[in-house]
């Protein structure tokens, strides 16, 4: 154990709630062992690990069973037919016993002091506080990681301000960054199993809005494995994922309305709807029409765009976004 870990162990003495690490697993035989070891190697010892095997068809189960034999008191396996990652996480919530919950995808990694650092901070906070830490990109190994310092790496006494900052910068926080009191999830609700895209954005936005404060842990780190471009959920463009993404953006607007409708809130919501139009214009132009009407309502102006802002949105003000999208698609096909 590092000196930092020893110091943290001393500092949190007397506050050692059970933390449940929930790992949804589907066909990650190449990565899940490293993920599981990062959970087992936490310097904070009062943990349980729940692996929800969501109908894997590769050799992932063989890896898990090997470690269950070595750590029968730490690891629990829940085996089910394939129902999706959100369902697997919800099963983990229901079956876990921890006062705090740590979500971890089966190809991502936790730094050894990740949970310990956050428990140390939470020991001086109220029970309706959530804590998040840094996330670091890596590819095949931790020797090639990339560190970014984001402006939202700070504490928020008003949690909805974090969402506004994320929307206006079009950034995200990886799900493993968070350590969440179970009591907050009871208020926010669980993962929406009807979604196919931006499930984490929807879930954690509700968690944030259900908390009384958000604290940033400088020493807490996790590692986000860059997905294979051929199977990258972040770049999915199909009708199902488009409707899912639009639903989450509508949910954002509905949920944050309880905290006001100031300029920065409207600006962040507009950024989301603009993102949707740019990303999904070729997939669901009918939803882009709705998104554009929402933008005009939020801006309070039927002609909010100048030519220098966006050619697509500028011409849409005069000819309708559906027509402009069709022309754009036609020109893209002609260039090919």
C-alpha atoms as a PDB file:
ATOM      1  CA  UNK A   1       0.000   0.000   0.000  1.00  0.00           C
ATOM      2  CA  UNK A   2       1.296   3.439  -0.888  1.00  0.00           C
ATOM      3  CA  UNK A   3       1.909   6.107   1.762  1.00  0.00           C
ATOM      4  CA  UNK A   4      -1.042   8.019   0.289  1.00  0.00           C
ATOM      5  CA  UNK A   5      -3.226   4.946   0.789  1.00  0.00           C
ATOM      6  CA  UNK A   6      -2.063   4.553   4.383  1.00  0.00           C
ATOM      7  CA  UNK A   7      -2.827   8.191   5.097  1.00  0.00           C
ATOM      8  CA  UNK A   8      -6.271   7.833   3.554  1.00  0.00           C
ATOM      9  CA  UNK A   9      -6.968   4.684   5.558  1.00  0.00           C
ATOM     10  CA  UNK A  10      -6.161   6.564   8.768  1.00  0.00           C
ATOM     11  CA  UNK A  11      -8.198   9.639   7.768  1.00  0.00           C
ATOM     12  CA  UNK A  12     -11.375   7.656   7.090  1.00  0.00           C
ATOM     13  CA  UNK A  13     -11.165   5.559  10.211  1.00  0.00           C
ATOM     14  CA  UNK A  14     -14.616   5.552  11.802  1.00  0.00           C
ATOM     15  CA  UNK A  15     -16.350   6.170   8.447  1.00  0.00           C
ATOM     16  CA  UNK A  16     -16.170   3.020   6.374  1.00  0.00           C
ATOM     17  CA  UNK A  17     -19.509   2.422   4.608  1.00  0.00           C
ATOM     18  CA  UNK A  18     -19.870  -0.561   2.318  1.00  0.00           C
ATOM     19  CA  UNK A  19     -19.279   0.369  -1.336  1.00  0.00           C
ATOM     20  CA  UNK A  20     -20.823  -1.781  -4.057  1.00  0.00           C
ATOM     21  CA  UNK A  21     -18.906  -1.894  -7.345  1.00  0.00           C
ATOM     22  CA  UNK A  22     -21.357  -2.790 -10.117  1.00  0.00           C
ATOM     23  CA  UNK A  23     -19.875  -4.188 -13.344  1.00  0.00           C
ATOM     24  CA  UNK A  24     -22.220  -4.960 -16.268  1.00  0.00           C
ATOM     25  CA  UNK A  25     -20.546  -7.539 -18.499  1.00  0.00           C
ATOM     26  CA  UNK A  26     -21.195  -8.448 -22.111  1.00  0.00           C
ATOM     27  CA  UNK A  27     -18.490 -10.050 -24.257  1.00  0.00           C
ATOM     28  CA  UNK A  28     -15.448  -8.330 -22.763  1.00  0.00           C
ATOM     29  CA  UNK A  29     -13.140 -11.320 -22.401  1.00  0.00           C
ATOM     30  CA  UNK A  30     -10.116  -9.276 -23.512  1.00  0.00           C
ATOM     31  CA  UNK A  31     -10.580  -6.545 -20.902  1.00  0.00           C
ATOM     32  CA  UNK A  32     -12.647  -7.740 -17.943  1.00  0.00           C
ATOM     33  CA  UNK A  33      -9.747  -9.304 -16.036  1.00  0.00           C
ATOM     34  CA  UNK A  34      -7.883  -5.987 -15.923  1.00  0.00           C
ATOM     35  CA  UNK A  35     -11.110  -4.226 -14.904  1.00  0.00           C
ATOM     36  CA  UNK A  36     -11.807  -6.734 -12.156  1.00  0.00           C
ATOM     37  CA  UNK A  37      -8.271  -6.452 -10.806  1.00  0.00           C
ATOM     38  CA  UNK A  38      -8.600  -2.654 -10.638  1.00  0.00           C
ATOM     39  CA  UNK A  39     -11.676  -3.181  -8.447  1.00  0.00           C
ATOM     40  CA  UNK A  40     -10.037  -5.846  -6.265  1.00  0.00           C
ATOM     41  CA  UNK A  41      -6.921  -3.715  -5.782  1.00  0.00           C
ATOM     42  CA  UNK A  42      -8.764  -0.780  -4.206  1.00  0.00           C
ATOM     43  CA  UNK A  43      -6.983   0.522  -1.117  1.00  0.00           C
ATOM     44  CA  UNK A  44     -10.426   0.972   0.425  1.00  0.00           C
ATOM     45  CA  UNK A  45     -11.261  -2.515   1.660  1.00  0.00           C
ATOM     46  CA  UNK A  46     -14.958  -2.417   2.560  1.00  0.00           C
ATOM     47  CA  UNK A  47     -16.242  -3.253  -0.904  1.00  0.00           C
ATOM     48  CA  UNK A  48     -18.356  -5.837  -2.628  1.00  0.00           C
ATOM     49  CA  UNK A  49     -18.109  -6.468  -6.374  1.00  0.00           C
ATOM     50  CA  UNK A  50     -21.179  -7.469  -8.356  1.00  0.00           C
ATOM     51  CA  UNK A  51     -20.613  -8.701 -11.898  1.00  0.00           C
ATOM     52  CA  UNK A  52     -23.835  -8.907 -13.892  1.00  0.00           C
ATOM     53  CA  UNK A  53     -23.169 -11.168 -16.860  1.00  0.00           C
ATOM     54  CA  UNK A  54     -25.615  -9.961 -19.485  1.00  0.00           C
ATOM     55  CA  UNK A  55     -25.696 -13.061 -21.675  1.00  0.00           C
ATOM     56  CA  UNK A  56     -22.041 -13.058 -22.777  1.00  0.00           C
ATOM     57  CA  UNK A  57     -21.276 -15.497 -25.599  1.00  0.00           C
ATOM     58  CA  UNK A  58     -17.465 -15.320 -25.387  1.00  0.00           C
ATOM     59  CA  UNK A  59     -15.164 -16.530 -22.578  1.00  0.00           C
ATOM     60  CA  UNK A  60     -15.876 -13.649 -20.174  1.00  0.00           C
ATOM     61  CA  UNK A  61     -17.536 -15.981 -17.655  1.00  0.00           C
ATOM     62  CA  UNK A  62     -14.417 -18.165 -17.452  1.00  0.00           C
ATOM     63  CA  UNK A  63     -12.397 -15.132 -16.376  1.00  0.00           C
ATOM     64  CA  UNK A  64     -14.926 -14.151 -13.699  1.00  0.00           C
ATOM     65  CA  UNK A  65     -15.282 -17.671 -12.309  1.00  0.00           C
ATOM     66  CA  UNK A  66     -11.516 -17.916 -11.872  1.00  0.00           C
ATOM     67  CA  UNK A  67     -11.525 -14.870  -9.604  1.00  0.00           C
ATOM     68  CA  UNK A  68     -14.660 -15.904  -7.721  1.00  0.00           C
ATOM     69  CA  UNK A  69     -12.774 -18.984  -6.577  1.00  0.00           C
ATOM     70  CA  UNK A  70     -10.003 -16.766  -5.194  1.00  0.00           C
ATOM     71  CA  UNK A  71     -12.256 -14.025  -3.752  1.00  0.00           C
ATOM     72  CA  UNK A  72     -15.572 -15.696  -2.843  1.00  0.00           C
ATOM     73  CA  UNK A  73     -16.379 -13.107  -0.159  1.00  0.00           C
ATOM     74  CA  UNK A  74     -15.711 -10.137  -2.455  1.00  0.00           C
ATOM     75  CA  UNK A  75     -17.209 -11.069  -5.823  1.00  0.00           C
ATOM     76  CA  UNK A  76     -20.778 -12.036  -6.650  1.00  0.00           C
ATOM     77  CA  UNK A  77     -21.804 -13.165 -10.108  1.00  0.00           C
ATOM     78  CA  UNK A  78     -25.333 -12.620 -11.387  1.00  0.00           C
ATOM     79  CA  UNK A  79     -25.985 -14.452 -14.645  1.00  0.00           C
ATOM     80  CA  UNK A  80     -28.864 -13.459 -16.913  1.00  0.00           C
ATOM     81  CA  UNK A  81     -29.930 -13.504 -20.544  1.00  0.00           C
ATOM     82  CA  UNK A  82     -29.053 -10.429 -22.559  1.00  0.00           C
ATOM     83  CA  UNK A  83     -31.232  -7.469 -21.513  1.00  0.00           C
ATOM     84  CA  UNK A  84     -28.848  -4.560 -22.058  1.00  0.00           C
ATOM     85  CA  UNK A  85     -26.356  -2.671 -19.915  1.00  0.00           C
ATOM     86  CA  UNK A  86     -28.978  -0.441 -18.248  1.00  0.00           C
ATOM     87  CA  UNK A  87     -30.950  -3.455 -17.082  1.00  0.00           C
ATOM     88  CA  UNK A  88     -27.738  -5.080 -15.808  1.00  0.00           C
ATOM     89  CA  UNK A  89     -26.873  -1.963 -13.803  1.00  0.00           C
ATOM     90  CA  UNK A  90     -30.372  -1.832 -12.335  1.00  0.00           C
ATOM     91  CA  UNK A  91     -30.097  -5.481 -11.332  1.00  0.00           C
ATOM     92  CA  UNK A  92     -26.814  -4.569  -9.657  1.00  0.00           C
ATOM     93  CA  UNK A  93     -28.505  -1.743  -7.757  1.00  0.00           C
ATOM     94  CA  UNK A  94     -31.256  -4.061  -6.523  1.00  0.00           C
ATOM     95  CA  UNK A  95     -28.944  -6.928  -5.560  1.00  0.00           C
ATOM     96  CA  UNK A  96     -26.199  -4.844  -3.950  1.00  0.00           C
ATOM     97  CA  UNK A  97     -25.947  -4.022  -0.252  1.00  0.00           C
ATOM     98  CA  UNK A  98     -23.682  -0.987  -0.294  1.00  0.00           C
ATOM     99  CA  UNK A  99     -24.508   2.403   1.145  1.00  0.00           C
ATOM    100  CA  UNK A 100     -22.544   3.855  -1.788  1.00  0.00           C
ATOM    101  CA  UNK A 101     -22.537   2.679  -5.403  1.00  0.00           C
ATOM    102  CA  UNK A 102     -19.663   2.644  -7.879  1.00  0.00           C
ATOM    103  CA  UNK A 103     -20.483   1.880 -11.530  1.00  0.00           C
ATOM    104  CA  UNK A 104     -17.685   0.422 -13.640  1.00  0.00           C
ATOM    105  CA  UNK A 105     -17.906  -0.758 -17.247  1.00  0.00           C
ATOM    106  CA  UNK A 106     -16.121  -4.025 -18.004  1.00  0.00           C
ATOM    107  CA  UNK A 107     -13.369  -2.407 -20.078  1.00  0.00           C
ATOM    108  CA  UNK A 108     -12.577   0.623 -17.883  1.00  0.00           C
ATOM    109  CA  UNK A 109     -10.224   0.852 -14.901  1.00  0.00           C
ATOM    110  CA  UNK A 110     -10.112   2.450 -11.450  1.00  0.00           C
ATOM    111  CA  UNK A 111      -7.002   3.890  -9.873  1.00  0.00           C
ATOM    112  CA  UNK A 112      -6.195   1.976  -6.676  1.00  0.00           C
ATOM    113  CA  UNK A 113      -7.050   4.976  -4.443  1.00  0.00           C
ATOM    114  CA  UNK A 114     -10.135   6.067  -6.380  1.00  0.00           C
ATOM    115  CA  UNK A 115     -12.774   4.974  -3.859  1.00  0.00           C
ATOM    116  CA  UNK A 116     -10.630   5.685  -0.801  1.00  0.00           C
ATOM    117  CA  UNK A 117     -10.045   9.289  -1.892  1.00  0.00           C
ATOM    118  CA  UNK A 118     -13.753   9.846  -2.408  1.00  0.00           C
ATOM    119  CA  UNK A 119     -14.818   8.212   0.859  1.00  0.00           C
ATOM    120  CA  UNK A 120     -12.316  10.458   2.615  1.00  0.00           C
ATOM    121  CA  UNK A 121     -14.073  13.516   1.144  1.00  0.00           C
ATOM    122  CA  UNK A 122     -17.578  12.200   1.800  1.00  0.00           C
ATOM    123  CA  UNK A 123     -16.759  11.609   5.462  1.00  0.00           C
ATOM    124  CA  UNK A 124     -17.055  15.364   5.980  1.00  0.00           C
ATOM    125  CA  UNK A 125     -20.163  15.865   3.830  1.00  0.00           C
ATOM    126  CA  UNK A 126     -23.900  15.391   4.273  1.00  0.00           C
ATOM    127  CA  UNK A 127     -25.553  12.221   2.972  1.00  0.00           C
ATOM    128  CA  UNK A 128     -27.106  14.063   0.002  1.00  0.00           C
ATOM    129  CA  UNK A 129     -23.710  14.925  -1.518  1.00  0.00           C
ATOM    130  CA  UNK A 130     -22.214  13.190  -4.560  1.00  0.00           C
ATOM    131  CA  UNK A 131     -18.530  13.161  -5.453  1.00  0.00           C
ATOM    132  CA  UNK A 132     -16.751  12.777  -8.785  1.00  0.00           C
ATOM    133  CA  UNK A 133     -13.129  12.547  -9.872  1.00  0.00           C
ATOM    134  CA  UNK A 134     -10.908  12.777 -12.920  1.00  0.00           C
ATOM    135  CA  UNK A 135     -11.184  10.575 -15.954  1.00  0.00           C
ATOM    136  CA  UNK A 136      -8.301   9.776 -18.254  1.00  0.00           C
ATOM    137  CA  UNK A 137      -8.376   8.387 -21.809  1.00  0.00           C
ATOM    138  CA  UNK A 138      -6.222   5.434 -22.743  1.00  0.00           C
ATOM    139  CA  UNK A 139      -6.040   2.936 -25.602  1.00  0.00           C
ATOM    140  CA  UNK A 140      -4.360  -0.427 -25.202  1.00  0.00           C
ATOM    141  CA  UNK A 141      -2.404   0.258 -22.002  1.00  0.00           C
ATOM    142  CA  UNK A 142      -1.981   2.880 -19.307  1.00  0.00           C
ATOM    143  CA  UNK A 143       1.354   3.812 -20.883  1.00  0.00           C
ATOM    144  CA  UNK A 144      -0.504   5.741 -23.589  1.00  0.00           C
ATOM    145  CA  UNK A 145      -3.037   7.661 -21.529  1.00  0.00           C
ATOM    146  CA  UNK A 146      -4.094  11.248 -22.200  1.00  0.00           C
ATOM    147  CA  UNK A 147      -4.826  13.704 -19.374  1.00  0.00           C
ATOM    148  CA  UNK A 148      -7.150  16.667 -19.778  1.00  0.00           C
ATOM    149  CA  UNK A 149      -7.936  19.327 -17.187  1.00  0.00           C
ATOM    150  CA  UNK A 150     -11.544  20.418 -17.557  1.00  0.00           C
ATOM    151  CA  UNK A 151     -12.997  23.662 -16.241  1.00  0.00           C
ATOM    152  CA  UNK A 152     -15.761  21.712 -14.485  1.00  0.00           C
ATOM    153  CA  UNK A 153     -13.207  19.999 -12.226  1.00  0.00           C
ATOM    154  CA  UNK A 154     -14.438  21.875  -9.150  1.00  0.00           C
ATOM    155  CA  UNK A 155     -17.042  21.801  -6.364  1.00  0.00           C
ATOM    156  CA  UNK A 156     -20.637  22.879  -7.014  1.00  0.00           C
ATOM    157  CA  UNK A 157     -22.808  24.174  -4.184  1.00  0.00           C
ATOM    158  CA  UNK A 158     -25.618  24.401  -6.749  1.00  0.00           C
ATOM    159  CA  UNK A 159     -25.467  21.028  -8.550  1.00  0.00           C
ATOM    160  CA  UNK A 160     -27.486  22.146 -11.581  1.00  0.00           C
ATOM    161  CA  UNK A 161     -24.659  24.556 -12.428  1.00  0.00           C
ATOM    162  CA  UNK A 162     -22.493  21.519 -13.221  1.00  0.00           C
ATOM    163  CA  UNK A 163     -25.014  20.382 -15.830  1.00  0.00           C
ATOM    164  CA  UNK A 164     -25.077  23.852 -17.359  1.00  0.00           C
ATOM    165  CA  UNK A 165     -21.268  23.841 -17.593  1.00  0.00           C
ATOM    166  CA  UNK A 166     -21.267  20.373 -19.192  1.00  0.00           C
ATOM    167  CA  UNK A 167     -23.921  21.312 -21.757  1.00  0.00           C
ATOM    168  CA  UNK A 168     -22.325  24.625 -22.694  1.00  0.00           C
ATOM    169  CA  UNK A 169     -18.944  22.968 -23.190  1.00  0.00           C
ATOM    170  CA  UNK A 170     -20.501  19.808 -24.718  1.00  0.00           C
ATOM    171  CA  UNK A 171     -18.449  17.653 -22.366  1.00  0.00           C
ATOM    172  CA  UNK A 172     -19.280  14.603 -20.282  1.00  0.00           C
ATOM    173  CA  UNK A 173     -18.149  12.851 -17.119  1.00  0.00           C
ATOM    174  CA  UNK A 174     -17.510   9.105 -17.361  1.00  0.00           C
ATOM    175  CA  UNK A 175     -19.797   6.970 -15.215  1.00  0.00           C
ATOM    176  CA  UNK A 176     -16.937   5.463 -13.170  1.00  0.00           C
ATOM    177  CA  UNK A 177     -15.919   8.940 -11.949  1.00  0.00           C
ATOM    178  CA  UNK A 178     -18.849   9.058  -9.537  1.00  0.00           C
ATOM    179  CA  UNK A 179     -19.451   7.622  -6.081  1.00  0.00           C
ATOM    180  CA  UNK A 180     -23.150   7.863  -5.298  1.00  0.00           C
ATOM    181  CA  UNK A 181     -25.099   7.407  -2.051  1.00  0.00           C
ATOM    182  CA  UNK A 182     -27.862   4.851  -2.494  1.00  0.00           C
ATOM    183  CA  UNK A 183     -30.251   7.332  -0.878  1.00  0.00           C
ATOM    184  CA  UNK A 184     -29.806   9.713  -3.832  1.00  0.00           C
ATOM    185  CA  UNK A 185     -30.572   7.008  -6.390  1.00  0.00           C
ATOM    186  CA  UNK A 186     -33.786   6.289  -4.490  1.00  0.00           C
ATOM    187  CA  UNK A 187     -34.743   9.911  -5.250  1.00  0.00           C
ATOM    188  CA  UNK A 188     -33.358  10.205  -8.778  1.00  0.00           C
ATOM    189  CA  UNK A 189     -34.581   6.875 -10.125  1.00  0.00           C
ATOM    190  CA  UNK A 190     -32.581   4.112 -11.775  1.00  0.00           C
ATOM    191  CA  UNK A 191     -31.194   3.708 -15.303  1.00  0.00           C
ATOM    192  CA  UNK A 192     -33.752   4.150 -18.108  1.00  0.00           C
ATOM    193  CA  UNK A 193     -33.834   0.773 -19.859  1.00  0.00           C
ATOM    194  CA  UNK A 194     -35.702   2.183 -22.870  1.00  0.00           C
ATOM    195  CA  UNK A 195     -32.660   4.221 -23.973  1.00  0.00           C
ATOM    196  CA  UNK A 196     -30.063   3.116 -26.525  1.00  0.00           C
ATOM    197  CA  UNK A 197     -27.843   6.201 -26.472  1.00  0.00           C
ATOM    198  CA  UNK A 198     -26.792   8.715 -23.790  1.00  0.00           C
ATOM    199  CA  UNK A 199     -28.048   6.466 -21.002  1.00  0.00           C
ATOM    200  CA  UNK A 200     -25.336   7.709 -18.657  1.00  0.00           C
ATOM    201  CA  UNK A 201     -26.084  11.347 -19.452  1.00  0.00           C
ATOM    202  CA  UNK A 202     -29.730  10.815 -18.586  1.00  0.00           C
ATOM    203  CA  UNK A 203     -29.033   8.868 -15.383  1.00  0.00           C
ATOM    204  CA  UNK A 204     -26.327  11.116 -13.948  1.00  0.00           C
ATOM    205  CA  UNK A 205     -28.210  14.313 -14.789  1.00  0.00           C
ATOM    206  CA  UNK A 206     -31.006  13.049 -12.532  1.00  0.00           C
ATOM    207  CA  UNK A 207     -28.487  12.035  -9.853  1.00  0.00           C
ATOM    208  CA  UNK A 208     -26.904  15.500  -9.954  1.00  0.00           C
ATOM    209  CA  UNK A 209     -30.266  17.279  -9.735  1.00  0.00           C
ATOM    210  CA  UNK A 210     -31.300  15.050  -6.804  1.00  0.00           C
ATOM    211  CA  UNK A 211     -28.225  15.979  -4.757  1.00  0.00           C
ATOM    212  CA  UNK A 212     -27.690  19.010  -2.562  1.00  0.00           C
ATOM    213  CA  UNK A 213     -24.028  19.476  -3.485  1.00  0.00           C
ATOM    214  CA  UNK A 214     -21.394  18.051  -5.831  1.00  0.00           C
ATOM    215  CA  UNK A 215     -17.778  17.741  -4.712  1.00  0.00           C
ATOM    216  CA  UNK A 216     -14.748  17.198  -6.928  1.00  0.00           C
ATOM    217  CA  UNK A 217     -12.012  14.836  -5.751  1.00  0.00           C
ATOM    218  CA  UNK A 218      -8.631  15.912  -7.150  1.00  0.00           C
ATOM    219  CA  UNK A 219      -6.919  12.657  -6.127  1.00  0.00           C
ATOM    220  CA  UNK A 220      -9.598  10.343  -7.516  1.00  0.00           C
ATOM    221  CA  UNK A 221      -8.947   8.927 -10.982  1.00  0.00           C
ATOM    222  CA  UNK A 222     -10.330   6.393 -13.420  1.00  0.00           C
ATOM    223  CA  UNK A 223      -9.271   5.297 -16.884  1.00  0.00           C
ATOM    224  CA  UNK A 224     -11.614   5.296 -19.870  1.00  0.00           C
ATOM    225  CA  UNK A 225     -10.657   2.910 -22.651  1.00  0.00           C
ATOM    226  CA  UNK A 226     -11.144   4.498 -26.061  1.00  0.00           C
ATOM    227  CA  UNK A 227     -13.699   2.365 -27.891  1.00  0.00           C
ATOM    228  CA  UNK A 228     -13.086   0.644 -31.179  1.00  0.00           C
ATOM    229  CA  UNK A 229     -14.335   2.958 -33.933  1.00  0.00           C
ATOM    230  CA  UNK A 230     -16.222   0.054 -35.498  1.00  0.00           C
ATOM    231  CA  UNK A 231     -18.315  -0.400 -32.353  1.00  0.00           C
ATOM    232  CA  UNK A 232     -18.392   3.042 -30.788  1.00  0.00           C
ATOM    233  CA  UNK A 233     -21.721   3.841 -29.151  1.00  0.00           C
ATOM    234  CA  UNK A 234     -20.731   7.511 -29.007  1.00  0.00           C
ATOM    235  CA  UNK A 235     -20.839   7.747 -32.815  1.00  0.00           C
ATOM    236  CA  UNK A 236     -23.916   5.626 -33.458  1.00  0.00           C
ATOM    237  CA  UNK A 237     -26.230   7.060 -36.094  1.00  0.00           C
ATOM    238  CA  UNK A 238     -29.440   5.100 -36.531  1.00  0.00           C
ATOM    239  CA  UNK A 239     -33.116   5.787 -35.971  1.00  0.00           C
ATOM    240  CA  UNK A 240     -33.267   4.013 -32.624  1.00  0.00           C
ATOM    241  CA  UNK A 241     -30.248   5.816 -31.186  1.00  0.00           C
ATOM    242  CA  UNK A 242     -31.459   9.147 -32.616  1.00  0.00           C
ATOM    243  CA  UNK A 243     -34.836   8.922 -30.881  1.00  0.00           C
ATOM    244  CA  UNK A 244     -33.059   7.874 -27.702  1.00  0.00           C
ATOM    245  CA  UNK A 245     -30.690  10.848 -27.789  1.00  0.00           C
ATOM    246  CA  UNK A 246     -33.545  13.263 -28.468  1.00  0.00           C
ATOM    247  CA  UNK A 247     -35.529  11.843 -25.556  1.00  0.00           C
ATOM    248  CA  UNK A 248     -32.623  12.483 -23.174  1.00  0.00           C
ATOM    249  CA  UNK A 249     -32.304  16.098 -24.344  1.00  0.00           C
ATOM    250  CA  UNK A 250     -36.033  16.656 -23.812  1.00  0.00           C
ATOM    251  CA  UNK A 251     -35.646  15.106 -20.346  1.00  0.00           C
ATOM    252  CA  UNK A 252     -32.803  17.537 -19.594  1.00  0.00           C
ATOM    253  CA  UNK A 253     -35.058  20.477 -20.405  1.00  0.00           C
ATOM    254  CA  UNK A 254     -37.933  19.116 -18.333  1.00  0.00           C
ATOM    255  CA  UNK A 255     -35.828  18.224 -15.283  1.00  0.00           C
ATOM    256  CA  UNK A 256     -33.787  21.416 -15.065  1.00  0.00           C
ATOM    257  CA  UNK A 257     -36.897  23.603 -15.430  1.00  0.00           C
ATOM    258  CA  UNK A 258     -37.417  23.169 -11.671  1.00  0.00           C
ATOM    259  CA  UNK A 259     -34.195  25.146 -11.130  1.00  0.00           C
ATOM    260  CA  UNK A 260     -35.006  28.142 -13.304  1.00  0.00           C
ATOM    261  CA  UNK A 261     -34.847  29.217 -16.908  1.00  0.00           C
ATOM    262  CA  UNK A 262     -32.014  31.755 -16.926  1.00  0.00           C
ATOM    263  CA  UNK A 263     -29.756  32.673 -19.830  1.00  0.00           C
ATOM    264  CA  UNK A 264     -27.092  30.019 -19.101  1.00  0.00           C
ATOM    265  CA  UNK A 265     -29.715  27.287 -18.730  1.00  0.00           C
ATOM    266  CA  UNK A 266     -31.286  28.198 -22.088  1.00  0.00           C
ATOM    267  CA  UNK A 267     -27.862  28.462 -23.710  1.00  0.00           C
ATOM    268  CA  UNK A 268     -26.936  24.954 -22.525  1.00  0.00           C
ATOM    269  CA  UNK A 269     -30.221  23.466 -23.730  1.00  0.00           C
ATOM    270  CA  UNK A 270     -29.771  25.150 -27.115  1.00  0.00           C
ATOM    271  CA  UNK A 271     -26.279  23.639 -27.376  1.00  0.00           C
ATOM    272  CA  UNK A 272     -27.811  20.191 -26.839  1.00  0.00           C
ATOM    273  CA  UNK A 273     -30.452  20.647 -29.543  1.00  0.00           C
ATOM    274  CA  UNK A 274     -27.863  22.082 -31.957  1.00  0.00           C
ATOM    275  CA  UNK A 275     -25.666  19.054 -31.285  1.00  0.00           C
ATOM    276  CA  UNK A 276     -28.610  16.808 -32.076  1.00  0.00           C
ATOM    277  CA  UNK A 277     -29.302  18.549 -35.412  1.00  0.00           C
ATOM    278  CA  UNK A 278     -25.654  18.417 -36.536  1.00  0.00           C
ATOM    279  CA  UNK A 279     -25.331  14.774 -35.531  1.00  0.00           C
ATOM    280  CA  UNK A 280     -28.676  13.305 -36.585  1.00  0.00           C
ATOM    281  CA  UNK A 281     -29.822  15.487 -39.505  1.00  0.00           C
ATOM    282  CA  UNK A 282     -29.314  12.675 -42.017  1.00  0.00           C
ATOM    283  CA  UNK A 283     -31.009  10.071 -39.801  1.00  0.00           C
ATOM    284  CA  UNK A 284     -34.176  11.668 -38.406  1.00  0.00           C
ATOM    285  CA  UNK A 285     -34.878  15.009 -40.096  1.00  0.00           C
ATOM    286  CA  UNK A 286     -38.387  14.934 -38.592  1.00  0.00           C
ATOM    287  CA  UNK A 287     -36.889  15.187 -35.094  1.00  0.00           C
ATOM    288  CA  UNK A 288     -34.563  17.942 -36.248  1.00  0.00           C
ATOM    289  CA  UNK A 289     -37.656  20.000 -37.108  1.00  0.00           C
ATOM    290  CA  UNK A 290     -38.830  19.643 -33.504  1.00  0.00           C
ATOM    291  CA  UNK A 291     -35.346  20.424 -32.183  1.00  0.00           C
ATOM    292  CA  UNK A 292     -35.147  23.571 -34.302  1.00  0.00           C
ATOM    293  CA  UNK A 293     -38.537  24.771 -33.017  1.00  0.00           C
ATOM    294  CA  UNK A 294     -37.292  24.233 -29.473  1.00  0.00           C
ATOM    295  CA  UNK A 295     -34.181  26.291 -30.247  1.00  0.00           C
ATOM    296  CA  UNK A 296     -36.282  29.181 -31.588  1.00  0.00           C
ATOM    297  CA  UNK A 297     -38.510  29.059 -28.508  1.00  0.00           C
ATOM    298  CA  UNK A 298     -35.525  29.027 -26.156  1.00  0.00           C
ATOM    299  CA  UNK A 299     -33.886  31.897 -28.051  1.00  0.00           C
ATOM    300  CA  UNK A 300     -37.174  33.832 -28.199  1.00  0.00           C
ATOM    301  CA  UNK A 301     -36.537  34.595 -31.851  1.00  0.00           C
ATOM    302  CA  UNK A 302     -37.693  32.986 -35.107  1.00  0.00           C
ATOM    303  CA  UNK A 303     -34.516  34.172 -36.872  1.00  0.00           C
ATOM    304  CA  UNK A 304     -31.754  33.674 -34.282  1.00  0.00           C
ATOM    305  CA  UNK A 305     -28.871  32.694 -36.599  1.00  0.00           C
ATOM    306  CA  UNK A 306     -26.535  34.729 -38.763  1.00  0.00           C
ATOM    307  CA  UNK A 307     -24.769  33.216 -41.760  1.00  0.00           C
ATOM    308  CA  UNK A 308     -21.481  33.211 -39.840  1.00  0.00           C
ATOM    309  CA  UNK A 309     -22.991  31.036 -37.066  1.00  0.00           C
ATOM    310  CA  UNK A 310     -24.098  28.031 -39.074  1.00  0.00           C
ATOM    311  CA  UNK A 311     -25.029  27.719 -42.739  1.00  0.00           C
ATOM    312  CA  UNK A 312     -27.384  24.834 -41.989  1.00  0.00           C
ATOM    313  CA  UNK A 313     -29.291  26.670 -39.267  1.00  0.00           C
ATOM    314  CA  UNK A 314     -29.150  30.042 -41.050  1.00  0.00           C
ATOM    315  CA  UNK A 315     -30.862  28.788 -44.231  1.00  0.00           C
ATOM    316  CA  UNK A 316     -33.292  26.689 -42.166  1.00  0.00           C
ATOM    317  CA  UNK A 317     -34.801  29.911 -40.817  1.00  0.00           C
ATOM    318  CA  UNK A 318     -36.009  30.827 -44.317  1.00  0.00           C
ATOM    319  CA  UNK A 319     -36.559  27.549 -46.144  1.00  0.00           C
ATOM    320  CA  UNK A 320     -37.353  25.158 -43.276  1.00  0.00           C
ATOM    321  CA  UNK A 321     -34.885  22.762 -41.739  1.00  0.00           C
ATOM    322  CA  UNK A 322     -36.354  19.671 -43.412  1.00  0.00           C
ATOM    323  CA  UNK A 323     -35.800  21.141 -46.895  1.00  0.00           C
ATOM    324  CA  UNK A 324     -32.273  22.347 -46.052  1.00  0.00           C
ATOM    325  CA  UNK A 325     -31.330  18.926 -44.626  1.00  0.00           C
ATOM    326  CA  UNK A 326     -32.558  17.208 -47.812  1.00  0.00           C
ATOM    327  CA  UNK A 327     -30.475  19.569 -49.955  1.00  0.00           C
ATOM    328  CA  UNK A 328     -27.460  18.934 -47.737  1.00  0.00           C
ATOM    329  CA  UNK A 329     -27.878  15.140 -48.055  1.00  0.00           C
ATOM    330  CA  UNK A 330     -28.241  15.471 -51.849  1.00  0.00           C
ATOM    331  CA  UNK A 331     -24.979  17.446 -52.132  1.00  0.00           C
ATOM    332  CA  UNK A 332     -23.155  14.950 -49.922  1.00  0.00           C
ATOM    333  CA  UNK A 333     -24.289  12.104 -52.202  1.00  0.00           C
ATOM    334  CA  UNK A 334     -23.252  14.041 -55.320  1.00  0.00           C
ATOM    335  CA  UNK A 335     -19.747  14.616 -53.940  1.00  0.00           C
ATOM    336  CA  UNK A 336     -19.357  10.878 -53.428  1.00  0.00           C
END
